[in-house]
Protein backbone atom coordinates (compact mmCIF):
# COMPACT_ATOMS: atom_id res chain seq x y z
CA UNK A 1 -19.71 46.34 -9.51
CA UNK A 2 -23.36 46.05 -10.60
CA UNK A 3 -24.68 42.50 -10.33
CA UNK A 4 -25.36 42.35 -14.09
CA UNK A 5 -21.75 43.29 -14.86
CA UNK A 6 -20.49 40.81 -12.27
CA UNK A 7 -22.53 37.92 -13.67
CA UNK A 8 -21.62 38.83 -17.24
CA UNK A 9 -17.94 38.41 -16.31
CA UNK A 10 -18.32 34.96 -14.78
CA UNK A 11 -15.62 32.63 -16.22
CA UNK A 12 -17.03 29.83 -18.39
CA UNK A 13 -14.89 27.42 -20.40
CA UNK A 14 -17.06 26.34 -23.31
CA UNK A 15 -14.47 23.81 -24.53
CA UNK A 16 -13.70 22.28 -21.15
CA UNK A 17 -14.75 18.84 -19.90
CA UNK A 18 -17.05 20.25 -17.19
CA UNK A 19 -20.69 20.85 -18.16
CA UNK A 20 -21.60 24.54 -18.53
CA UNK A 21 -24.35 24.38 -15.94
CA UNK A 22 -21.83 22.98 -13.40
CA UNK A 23 -19.42 25.81 -14.21
CA UNK A 24 -22.18 28.41 -13.86
CA UNK A 25 -23.36 26.88 -10.60
CA UNK A 26 -19.80 26.91 -9.19
CA UNK A 27 -19.15 30.51 -10.29
CA UNK A 28 -22.37 31.87 -8.74
CA UNK A 29 -21.78 29.85 -5.56
CA UNK A 30 -18.26 31.26 -5.23
CA UNK A 31 -19.55 34.80 -5.80
CA UNK A 32 -22.07 34.32 -2.99
CA UNK A 33 -19.57 32.76 -0.58
CA UNK A 34 -17.01 35.50 -1.23
CA UNK A 35 -19.54 38.25 -0.59
CA UNK A 36 -19.48 39.60 -4.16
CA UNK A 37 -23.22 38.85 -4.26
CA UNK A 38 -24.91 39.66 -0.96
CA UNK A 39 -27.83 37.91 0.79
CA UNK A 40 -31.15 39.24 -0.50
CA UNK A 41 -29.84 40.37 -3.90
CA UNK A 42 -31.99 39.44 -6.89
CA UNK A 43 -30.50 37.50 -9.78
CA UNK A 44 -31.52 38.16 -13.38
CA UNK A 45 -34.44 36.16 -14.80
CA UNK A 46 -33.29 33.02 -16.59
CA UNK A 47 -34.28 34.39 -20.02
CA UNK A 48 -32.16 37.52 -19.51
CA UNK A 49 -29.28 35.59 -17.97
CA UNK A 50 -28.97 33.14 -20.87
CA UNK A 51 -28.78 36.04 -23.37
CA UNK A 52 -26.28 37.85 -21.15
CA UNK A 53 -23.87 34.89 -21.24
CA UNK A 54 -24.79 33.51 -24.65
CA UNK A 55 -25.81 30.11 -23.25
CA UNK A 56 -29.00 28.07 -23.33
CA UNK A 57 -31.82 28.83 -20.90
CA UNK A 58 -31.75 25.21 -19.75
CA UNK A 59 -28.16 25.68 -18.61
CA UNK A 60 -29.24 28.60 -16.41
CA UNK A 61 -32.29 26.70 -15.12
CA UNK A 62 -30.14 23.74 -14.13
CA UNK A 63 -27.61 25.94 -12.33
CA UNK A 64 -30.37 27.83 -10.46
CA UNK A 65 -32.05 24.55 -9.50
CA UNK A 66 -28.85 23.17 -8.00
CA UNK A 67 -28.19 26.38 -6.06
CA UNK A 68 -31.76 26.38 -4.73
CA UNK A 69 -31.45 22.73 -3.68
CA UNK A 70 -28.34 23.58 -1.68
CA UNK A 71 -29.89 26.65 -0.04
CA UNK A 72 -27.96 29.41 -1.79
CA UNK A 73 -30.98 30.78 -3.70
CA UNK A 74 -34.68 31.18 -2.99
CA UNK A 75 -37.56 32.21 -5.22
CA UNK A 76 -40.67 31.18 -7.04
CA UNK A 77 -42.33 31.64 -10.41
CA UNK A 78 -43.42 35.24 -10.87
CA UNK A 79 -41.45 36.60 -7.91
CA UNK A 80 -37.87 36.21 -9.09
CA UNK A 81 -34.73 34.51 -7.82
CA UNK A 82 -32.85 35.87 -4.79
CA UNK A 83 -29.74 35.05 -2.81
CA UNK A 84 -30.99 33.47 0.39
CA UNK A 85 -31.26 35.95 3.26
CA UNK A 86 -30.57 33.13 5.71
CA UNK A 87 -26.94 33.03 4.65
CA UNK A 88 -24.42 34.76 6.95
CA UNK A 89 -23.25 38.22 5.95
CA UNK A 90 -20.18 38.49 3.73
CA UNK A 91 -17.70 39.13 6.55
CA UNK A 92 -18.71 35.87 8.25
CA UNK A 93 -18.59 33.92 4.98
CA UNK A 94 -15.12 35.22 4.20
CA UNK A 95 -13.78 33.60 7.33
CA UNK A 96 -14.50 30.30 5.60
CA UNK A 97 -14.05 31.20 1.91
CA UNK A 98 -11.44 33.71 0.66
CA UNK A 99 -12.44 36.58 -1.61
CA UNK A 100 -13.58 35.74 -5.14
CA UNK A 101 -10.67 35.16 -7.49
CA UNK A 102 -7.93 34.99 -4.84
CA UNK A 103 -7.96 31.30 -3.88
CA UNK A 104 -10.75 29.37 -5.52
CA UNK A 105 -9.68 25.76 -4.87
CA UNK A 106 -11.71 24.47 -7.81
CA UNK A 107 -10.13 26.92 -10.25
CA UNK A 108 -6.69 27.11 -8.64
CA UNK A 109 -5.90 23.80 -6.89
CA UNK A 110 -2.22 24.69 -6.58
CA UNK A 111 -3.11 27.79 -4.54
CA UNK A 112 -5.28 25.67 -2.24
CA UNK A 113 -2.30 23.46 -1.51
CA UNK A 114 -0.40 26.46 -0.17
CA UNK A 115 -2.93 27.18 2.56
CA UNK A 116 -1.66 26.36 6.04
CA UNK A 117 -3.06 23.33 7.83
CA UNK A 118 -6.14 24.27 9.85
CA UNK A 119 -4.50 22.85 12.96
CA UNK A 120 -1.52 20.56 13.51
CA UNK A 121 -1.88 16.81 13.18
CA UNK A 122 -2.13 14.88 16.41
CA UNK A 123 1.04 13.37 17.83
CA UNK A 124 -0.21 9.98 16.62
CA UNK A 125 -1.06 11.41 13.21
CA UNK A 126 2.46 12.76 12.83
CA UNK A 127 3.77 9.21 13.18
CA UNK A 128 1.88 8.24 10.02
CA UNK A 129 3.49 10.91 7.85
CA UNK A 130 7.07 11.11 9.09
CA UNK A 131 9.83 9.30 7.14
CA UNK A 132 9.32 6.01 9.02
CA UNK A 133 5.77 5.89 7.70
CA UNK A 134 6.75 6.48 4.07
CA UNK A 135 5.51 3.74 1.73
CA UNK A 136 6.67 3.51 -1.88
CA UNK A 137 4.61 2.43 -4.85
CA UNK A 138 5.47 1.48 -8.40
CA UNK A 139 4.99 3.89 -11.27
CA UNK A 140 5.00 3.08 -14.97
CA UNK A 141 5.58 -0.22 -16.71
CA UNK A 142 7.77 -2.92 -15.18
CA UNK A 143 11.47 -2.64 -15.98
CA UNK A 144 14.70 -4.14 -14.70
CA UNK A 145 15.01 -4.67 -11.73
CA UNK A 146 11.58 -3.89 -10.25
CA UNK A 147 11.06 -5.27 -6.75
CA UNK A 148 8.15 -7.03 -5.13
CA UNK A 149 6.16 -7.51 -8.31
CA UNK A 150 4.94 -10.66 -10.05
CA UNK A 151 4.69 -10.73 -13.83
CA UNK A 152 1.14 -9.60 -14.58
CA UNK A 153 1.40 -11.01 -18.10
CA UNK A 154 1.46 -14.50 -16.60
CA UNK A 155 -1.79 -14.07 -14.70
CA UNK A 156 -4.88 -15.63 -16.36
CA UNK A 157 -7.04 -12.52 -16.34
CA UNK A 158 -9.38 -14.13 -18.88
CA UNK A 159 -10.19 -16.92 -16.42
CA UNK A 160 -10.48 -14.45 -13.56
CA UNK A 161 -12.83 -12.27 -15.63
CA UNK A 162 -15.01 -15.25 -16.49
CA UNK A 163 -15.26 -16.28 -12.84
CA UNK A 164 -16.07 -12.72 -11.80
CA UNK A 165 -18.77 -12.41 -14.48
CA UNK A 166 -20.31 -15.65 -13.23
CA UNK A 167 -20.26 -14.25 -9.72
CA UNK A 168 -22.16 -11.14 -10.81
CA UNK A 169 -24.74 -13.28 -12.59
CA UNK A 170 -25.63 -15.08 -9.37
CA UNK A 171 -25.77 -12.41 -6.67
CA UNK A 172 -27.12 -13.65 -3.35
CA UNK A 173 -27.25 -12.65 0.29
CA UNK A 174 -23.46 -12.53 0.41
CA UNK A 175 -23.52 -9.35 -1.66
CA UNK A 176 -24.79 -7.49 1.40
CA UNK A 177 -22.69 -6.75 4.45
CA UNK A 178 -20.57 -9.81 5.05
CA UNK A 179 -18.66 -11.53 7.83
CA UNK A 180 -15.71 -9.33 8.90
CA UNK A 181 -13.59 -12.48 9.08
CA UNK A 182 -14.06 -13.04 5.37
CA UNK A 183 -15.86 -15.26 2.87
CA UNK A 184 -16.29 -18.64 4.57
CA UNK A 185 -15.56 -20.82 1.50
CA UNK A 186 -12.34 -18.89 0.85
CA UNK A 187 -11.20 -19.31 4.45
CA UNK A 188 -11.84 -23.05 4.24
CA UNK A 189 -9.86 -23.36 1.00
CA UNK A 190 -6.97 -21.29 2.33
CA UNK A 191 -6.89 -23.50 5.41
CA UNK A 192 -6.45 -26.61 3.25
CA UNK A 193 -3.77 -24.88 1.17
CA UNK A 194 -1.78 -23.57 4.14
CA UNK A 195 -1.85 -26.88 5.97
CA UNK A 196 -0.62 -28.72 2.88
CA UNK A 197 1.96 -26.25 1.56
CA UNK A 198 3.27 -24.52 4.68
CA UNK A 199 2.44 -26.89 7.51
CA UNK A 200 0.31 -24.24 9.21
CA UNK A 201 -1.74 -25.69 12.08
CA UNK A 202 -5.12 -24.03 11.73
CA UNK A 203 -8.85 -24.32 11.22
CA UNK A 204 -10.90 -22.06 8.93
CA UNK A 205 -12.13 -20.21 12.02
CA UNK A 206 -8.59 -19.01 12.73
CA UNK A 207 -8.23 -17.32 9.32
CA UNK A 208 -9.20 -13.66 8.86
CA UNK A 209 -9.19 -12.14 5.37
CA UNK A 210 -7.63 -8.67 5.21
CA UNK A 211 -7.15 -5.97 2.60
CA UNK A 212 -3.59 -7.03 1.92
CA UNK A 213 -0.99 -8.07 4.48
CA UNK A 214 -0.36 -4.38 5.19
CA UNK A 215 -3.79 -4.09 6.80
CA UNK A 216 -3.10 -7.24 8.81
CA UNK A 217 0.07 -5.66 10.20
CA UNK A 218 -1.73 -2.43 11.06
CA UNK A 219 -4.61 -4.31 12.67
CA UNK A 220 -2.27 -6.39 14.83
CA UNK A 221 -0.21 -3.34 15.80
CA UNK A 222 -3.36 -1.56 16.92
CA UNK A 223 -4.82 -4.48 18.87
CA UNK A 224 -1.78 -5.98 20.53
CA UNK A 225 0.27 -2.95 21.55
CA UNK A 226 -0.23 -0.02 23.90
CA UNK A 227 1.73 3.19 23.31
CA UNK A 228 5.29 2.62 24.47
CA UNK A 229 5.21 -1.17 24.28
CA UNK A 230 8.49 -2.64 23.11
CA UNK A 231 8.81 -4.44 19.77
CA UNK A 232 11.63 -6.25 17.98
CA UNK A 233 11.95 -5.67 14.24
CA UNK A 234 14.60 -6.97 11.85
CA UNK A 235 17.44 -4.64 10.87
CA UNK A 236 17.67 -4.36 7.94
CA UNK A 237 14.05 -5.15 7.38
CA UNK A 238 10.74 -4.42 5.72
CA UNK A 239 9.74 -0.79 6.19
CA UNK A 240 6.11 -1.69 5.58
CA UNK A 241 6.16 -3.52 8.91
CA UNK A 242 8.00 -0.83 10.86
CA UNK A 243 5.60 1.86 9.62
CA UNK A 244 2.37 0.57 11.30
CA UNK A 245 4.28 -0.30 14.47
CA UNK A 246 5.71 3.21 14.57
CA UNK A 247 2.29 4.71 13.85
CA UNK A 248 0.87 2.67 16.72
CA UNK A 249 3.38 4.39 19.04
CA UNK A 250 5.36 1.22 19.74
CA UNK A 251 8.88 1.46 21.14
CA UNK A 252 10.83 -0.18 18.33
CA UNK A 253 14.11 -1.98 18.89
CA UNK A 254 15.89 -2.79 15.61
CA UNK A 255 17.49 -6.23 16.02
CA UNK A 256 20.38 -7.16 13.72
CA UNK A 257 19.96 -9.96 11.20
CA UNK A 258 22.86 -12.40 10.91
CA UNK A 259 23.37 -15.42 8.66
CA UNK A 260 20.64 -17.26 10.58
CA UNK A 261 18.11 -14.44 10.60
CA UNK A 262 16.99 -12.24 13.49
CA UNK A 263 19.43 -12.39 16.42
CA UNK A 264 17.37 -13.58 19.38
CA UNK A 265 20.33 -13.17 21.73
CA UNK A 266 20.71 -9.49 20.78
CA UNK A 267 16.98 -8.83 21.21
CA UNK A 268 16.86 -10.58 24.57
CA UNK A 269 19.86 -8.59 25.79
CA UNK A 270 18.84 -5.14 24.57
CA UNK A 271 15.04 -5.31 24.80
CA UNK A 272 13.98 -7.95 27.34
CA UNK A 273 10.51 -6.45 27.79
CA UNK A 274 9.36 -6.89 24.17
CA UNK A 275 5.64 -7.51 23.74
CA UNK A 276 5.85 -8.37 20.04
CA UNK A 277 8.43 -9.67 17.54
CA UNK A 278 8.17 -9.21 13.77
CA UNK A 279 10.11 -11.68 11.60
CA UNK A 280 10.36 -12.95 8.02
CA UNK A 281 11.93 -16.36 8.77
CA UNK A 282 11.41 -18.14 5.44
CA UNK A 283 12.96 -15.43 3.26
CA UNK A 284 14.30 -12.44 5.14
CA UNK A 285 13.74 -9.10 3.45
CA UNK A 286 16.12 -7.80 2.10
CA UNK A 287 19.06 -10.13 2.81
CA UNK A 288 17.30 -13.32 1.73
CA UNK A 289 18.58 -15.49 4.59
CA UNK A 290 16.47 -18.35 5.94
CA UNK A 291 16.09 -18.90 9.68
CA UNK A 292 17.26 -22.45 10.52
CA UNK A 293 15.47 -24.77 12.93
CA UNK A 294 17.72 -24.08 15.90
CA UNK A 295 17.17 -20.29 15.67
CA UNK A 296 13.41 -20.80 15.20
CA UNK A 297 13.18 -22.90 18.33
CA UNK A 298 15.27 -20.33 20.23
CA UNK A 299 12.91 -17.55 19.14
CA UNK A 300 9.76 -19.50 20.06
CA UNK A 301 11.18 -20.47 23.45
CA UNK A 302 11.98 -16.85 24.29
CA UNK A 303 8.57 -15.62 23.11
CA UNK A 304 6.73 -18.28 25.10
CA UNK A 305 8.73 -17.58 28.27
CA UNK A 306 8.12 -13.83 28.01
CA UNK A 307 4.53 -14.03 26.69
CA UNK A 308 5.46 -12.08 23.57
CA UNK A 309 3.51 -12.26 20.32
CA UNK A 310 5.40 -13.26 17.17
CA UNK A 311 4.22 -12.04 13.76
CA UNK A 312 5.50 -14.36 11.05
CA UNK A 313 5.32 -12.54 7.72
CA UNK A 314 5.44 -15.23 5.04
CA UNK A 315 5.16 -12.85 2.11
CA UNK A 316 6.56 -14.94 -0.79
CA UNK A 317 6.87 -18.50 0.48
CA UNK A 318 5.44 -19.99 -2.73
CA UNK A 319 8.68 -19.25 -4.56
CA UNK A 320 11.51 -21.52 -3.50
CA UNK A 321 13.84 -22.82 -6.20
CA UNK A 322 16.02 -25.38 -4.43
CA UNK A 323 13.37 -27.65 -2.98
CA UNK A 324 9.83 -27.50 -1.60
CA UNK A 325 8.67 -24.48 0.44
CA UNK A 326 9.82 -24.62 4.07
CA UNK A 327 7.42 -25.36 6.90
CA UNK A 328 6.24 -22.24 8.68
CA UNK A 329 7.45 -20.98 12.05
CA UNK A 330 3.82 -21.26 13.15
CA UNK A 331 3.93 -25.01 12.62
CA UNK A 332 6.44 -25.27 15.50
CA UNK A 333 4.48 -23.06 17.90
CA UNK A 334 3.18 -24.85 20.99
CA UNK A 335 2.44 -21.74 23.08
CA UNK A 336 -0.10 -20.11 20.72
CA UNK A 337 2.09 -17.02 20.38
CA UNK A 338 2.64 -16.95 16.58
CA UNK A 339 0.35 -15.03 14.25
CA UNK A 340 0.94 -16.05 10.64
CA UNK A 341 0.46 -13.32 8.03
CA UNK A 342 0.28 -13.98 4.29
CA UNK A 343 -0.47 -12.08 1.12
CA UNK A 344 -1.80 -12.88 -2.33
CA UNK A 345 -0.11 -9.86 -3.91
CA UNK A 346 3.00 -11.75 -4.94
CA UNK A 347 1.34 -14.89 -6.30
CA UNK A 348 -1.67 -13.21 -7.98
CA UNK A 349 -1.48 -9.42 -8.44
CA UNK A 350 -0.98 -6.55 -5.94
CA UNK A 351 -4.04 -4.60 -7.08
CA UNK A 352 -6.25 -7.39 -5.75
CA UNK A 353 -5.48 -6.21 -2.18
CA UNK A 354 -6.18 -9.54 -0.52
CA UNK A 355 -4.20 -10.90 2.39
CA UNK A 356 -4.92 -13.02 5.42
CA UNK A 357 -3.75 -13.84 8.90
CA UNK A 358 -3.94 -17.01 10.97
CA UNK A 359 -4.37 -16.21 14.65
CA UNK A 360 -4.40 -18.35 17.79
CA UNK A 361 -8.03 -19.20 18.49
CA UNK A 362 -8.38 -17.08 21.68
CA UNK A 363 -7.32 -13.99 19.71
CA UNK A 364 -9.60 -14.44 16.71
CA UNK A 365 -12.71 -12.73 18.07
CA UNK A 366 -10.81 -9.57 19.01
CA UNK A 367 -9.20 -9.44 15.55
CA UNK A 368 -12.56 -9.90 13.82
CA UNK A 369 -14.08 -7.10 15.91
CA UNK A 370 -11.11 -4.86 15.12
CA UNK A 371 -11.40 -5.65 11.44
CA UNK A 372 -15.07 -4.67 11.53
CA UNK A 373 -14.18 -1.31 13.08
CA UNK A 374 -11.52 -0.54 10.46
CA UNK A 375 -13.47 -1.28 7.27
CA UNK A 376 -16.44 -3.58 8.11
CA UNK A 377 -15.03 -6.29 5.85
CA UNK A 378 -12.78 -6.71 2.83
CA UNK A 379 -14.57 -6.46 -0.53
CA UNK A 380 -16.60 -9.64 -0.93
CA UNK A 381 -16.64 -10.15 -4.71
CA UNK A 382 -12.85 -10.61 -5.08
CA UNK A 383 -13.01 -13.11 -2.21
CA UNK A 384 -15.78 -15.07 -3.92
CA UNK A 385 -13.90 -15.07 -7.22
CA UNK A 386 -10.70 -16.21 -5.52
CA UNK A 387 -12.55 -19.04 -3.81
CA UNK A 388 -13.74 -20.28 -7.21
CA UNK A 389 -10.25 -19.72 -8.66
CA UNK A 390 -8.76 -22.00 -5.99
CA UNK A 391 -11.57 -24.58 -6.01
CA UNK A 392 -11.33 -25.10 -9.79
CA UNK A 393 -7.56 -25.67 -9.71
CA UNK A 394 -6.48 -22.42 -11.38
CA UNK A 395 -4.57 -21.24 -8.30
CA UNK A 396 -2.38 -24.34 -8.12
CA UNK A 397 -1.67 -24.26 -11.87
CA UNK A 398 -0.81 -20.56 -11.73
CA UNK A 399 1.69 -21.08 -8.91
CA UNK A 400 3.35 -23.91 -10.83
CA UNK A 401 3.55 -21.84 -14.03
CA UNK A 402 4.95 -18.74 -12.32
CA UNK A 403 7.42 -20.74 -10.22
CA UNK A 404 8.87 -22.23 -13.40
CA UNK A 405 9.01 -18.84 -15.14
CA UNK A 406 10.63 -17.09 -12.18
CA UNK A 407 13.15 -19.90 -11.75
CA UNK A 408 14.22 -19.37 -15.37
CA UNK A 409 14.54 -15.61 -14.84
CA UNK A 410 16.45 -16.06 -11.60
CA UNK A 411 18.91 -18.31 -13.41
CA UNK A 412 19.22 -15.80 -16.26
CA UNK A 413 20.04 -13.03 -13.80
CA UNK A 414 22.62 -15.17 -12.00
CA UNK A 415 24.30 -16.10 -15.27
CA UNK A 416 24.33 -12.51 -16.54
CA UNK A 417 25.81 -11.23 -13.28
CA UNK A 418 28.50 -13.93 -13.38
CA UNK A 419 29.32 -13.18 -17.01
CA UNK A 420 29.37 -9.37 -16.80
CA UNK A 421 29.76 -8.30 -13.17
CA UNK A 422 31.71 -11.04 -11.38
CA UNK A 423 34.47 -8.52 -10.65
CA UNK A 424 32.00 -6.02 -9.19
CA UNK A 425 29.27 -7.93 -7.34
CA UNK A 426 28.77 -10.98 -5.14
CA UNK A 427 25.31 -12.45 -4.60
CA UNK A 428 23.62 -13.13 -1.28
CA UNK A 429 21.24 -16.09 -0.84
CA UNK A 430 19.28 -16.69 -4.04
CA UNK A 431 17.23 -19.81 -3.32
CA UNK A 432 13.85 -18.13 -2.71
CA UNK A 433 11.66 -15.14 -3.46
CA UNK A 434 11.26 -12.68 -6.30
CA UNK A 435 14.54 -10.82 -5.72
CA UNK A 436 17.95 -11.17 -4.12
CA UNK A 437 20.68 -8.96 -2.69
CA UNK A 438 24.04 -8.31 -4.34
CA UNK A 439 27.03 -6.78 -2.57
CA UNK A 440 29.75 -4.51 -3.95
CA UNK A 441 33.27 -5.93 -4.07
CA UNK A 442 34.67 -2.42 -4.45
CA UNK A 443 33.75 0.77 -2.59
CA UNK A 444 30.69 2.46 -4.10
CA UNK A 445 28.08 4.98 -3.00
CA UNK A 446 25.03 2.76 -3.31
CA UNK A 447 22.58 5.66 -3.34
CA UNK A 448 24.50 7.36 -6.14
CA UNK A 449 24.55 4.06 -8.04
CA UNK A 450 20.77 3.71 -7.68
CA UNK A 451 20.21 7.27 -8.90
CA UNK A 452 22.53 6.80 -11.88
CA UNK A 453 20.81 3.52 -12.76
CA UNK A 454 17.39 5.15 -12.65
CA UNK A 455 18.64 7.89 -14.97
CA UNK A 456 19.54 5.13 -17.44
CA UNK A 457 16.12 3.46 -17.15
CA UNK A 458 16.61 0.68 -14.62
CA UNK A 459 15.46 0.38 -10.99
CA UNK A 460 17.72 -0.88 -8.20
CA UNK A 461 17.15 -0.46 -4.46
CA UNK A 462 20.07 0.33 -2.11
CA UNK A 463 20.26 -2.05 0.84
CA UNK A 464 20.54 1.00 3.09
CA UNK A 465 16.88 1.70 2.27
CA UNK A 466 16.00 -1.17 4.61
CA UNK A 467 18.35 -0.20 7.45
CA UNK A 468 16.77 1.35 10.52
CA UNK A 469 17.33 5.05 11.07
CA UNK A 470 16.44 4.88 14.77
CA UNK A 471 19.07 6.08 17.22
CA UNK A 472 19.00 2.77 19.10
CA UNK A 473 19.72 0.69 15.98
CA UNK A 474 22.79 -1.51 16.13
CA UNK A 475 24.84 -2.02 12.97
CA UNK A 476 23.16 -4.41 10.57
CA UNK A 477 24.66 -7.85 10.00
CA UNK A 478 26.20 -7.06 6.62
CA UNK A 479 28.35 -3.95 6.54
CA UNK A 480 28.92 -4.46 2.81
CA UNK A 481 26.97 -2.01 0.71
CA UNK A 482 24.86 -3.35 -2.10
CA UNK A 483 21.60 -3.48 -3.99
CA UNK A 484 18.40 -5.48 -4.10
CA UNK A 485 17.49 -6.73 -7.59
CA UNK A 486 14.09 -8.04 -8.62
CA UNK A 487 13.70 -10.51 -11.49
CA UNK A 488 10.13 -11.84 -11.47
CA UNK A 489 8.30 -8.99 -13.22
CA UNK A 490 10.57 -8.80 -16.28
CA UNK A 491 11.59 -11.00 -19.20
CA UNK A 492 14.94 -12.69 -19.70
CA UNK A 493 15.75 -10.14 -22.42
CA UNK A 494 15.03 -7.27 -20.00
CA UNK A 495 17.20 -8.94 -17.37
CA UNK A 496 20.17 -9.20 -19.76
CA UNK A 497 19.73 -5.59 -20.87
CA UNK A 498 19.42 -4.45 -17.25
CA UNK A 499 22.67 -6.18 -16.26
CA UNK A 500 24.47 -4.53 -19.18
CA UNK A 501 23.19 -1.13 -18.07
CA UNK A 502 24.16 -1.79 -14.46
CA UNK A 503 27.64 -2.81 -15.61
CA UNK A 504 28.03 0.53 -17.38
CA UNK A 505 26.75 2.42 -14.34
CA UNK A 506 29.30 0.72 -12.08
CA UNK A 507 32.06 1.27 -14.64
CA UNK A 508 31.23 4.97 -14.85
CA UNK A 509 31.19 5.22 -11.05
CA UNK A 510 34.60 3.56 -10.79
CA UNK A 511 36.11 5.93 -13.34
CA UNK A 512 34.77 8.93 -11.44
CA UNK A 513 35.99 7.56 -8.12
């Protein structure tokens, strides 16, 4: 095809969102890379080209300028514009870019997705993408019975916005690269808060700010474990904790959870060489049980004797409805083996991506260095805003307001379940958190129930979602099938509607069974 005919047929979408000069630039570039236009060939003068395509001369000038800047074209005034002769010949280019029109990723992204992977992922990379590494995220507006979410309507975004605007009006040296450990005033304020509310024994120097608790778990997995090191995790338990441990090539032993939390006796018997233990002692996810003092002391004694690290994930400790929040496991630690991990996603909003960990002092420097390697430091402006939010009393007031609102919603859910589903469901522990487990009184396929509920517009999570799929997993504590129901993110009216829908779903399932 003659070059004039080829260029005249270049696809341009005059009504599309992409500027015409960007489209022209991309089309000519693709023609060069595919070999349709060879090195050394002369392109039409800009005046002729603009008439050929019925576009402005400036559009052509802009496209030529971009292609020259990137080395595809050469030329000068009076001599013409040529495809650079320094480019490889077409056969070499086609090893990198398929022929024009067959698989242009920009024009046909779906076709690009069908290309085979250049080379397989590494064995470590595969551990990030297999089912154990799968992490869910919420889509769409909150509805009954969404899990792990606070009510965003209760958050004072107007106050937050005012504090953030004030922060931008007074930029200082802290807006440059910052301390990997985090904003010093925020660490000091969190130290005061944790000591008062959770009994955590710490100084500001022991606190490291992370991009959510998930990063804290990944950071600790990477720093504390060598490939093949043994780890205890709760079964059933939080998949977001198992995923980074699995990705870090740990040898995971799922340890059953009983009425008192993680079974230390089982872990000691089946995995006596554990280097790390992950627990949620204040509000076990998903069963909701609380680890009593005797079991906590048993766990700490075993960890100290075997020099094993303990990660205490205290993900929603602010929300306890039958008394004050419990003291942390870390507050009982005398061997400096507990690393306390917290998040602000549940009390503020998940999109903030702020979490923290409290480490034994000898471990802090290594964690700070590791944090610097991963992402230099967590975004500084949200940290500065949060520090002001806490210092001015907004944080404390927000916790009080949300605790009262969630207590009302928890009670509404309990009453609705008792009124409509007492013959179908029995509740697990309900004294803490943003959700609680319910168990079937009659045989049901919990996965089928969850799918049927979603089809009717409500979200429920089967308890089996949290059960380990590893071959060495012992049966979980509760053999009863059931669901996890969240109540914090939705109104009382949505809760009542959701229970009515769930009642119909269970009724339909019983009639089919």
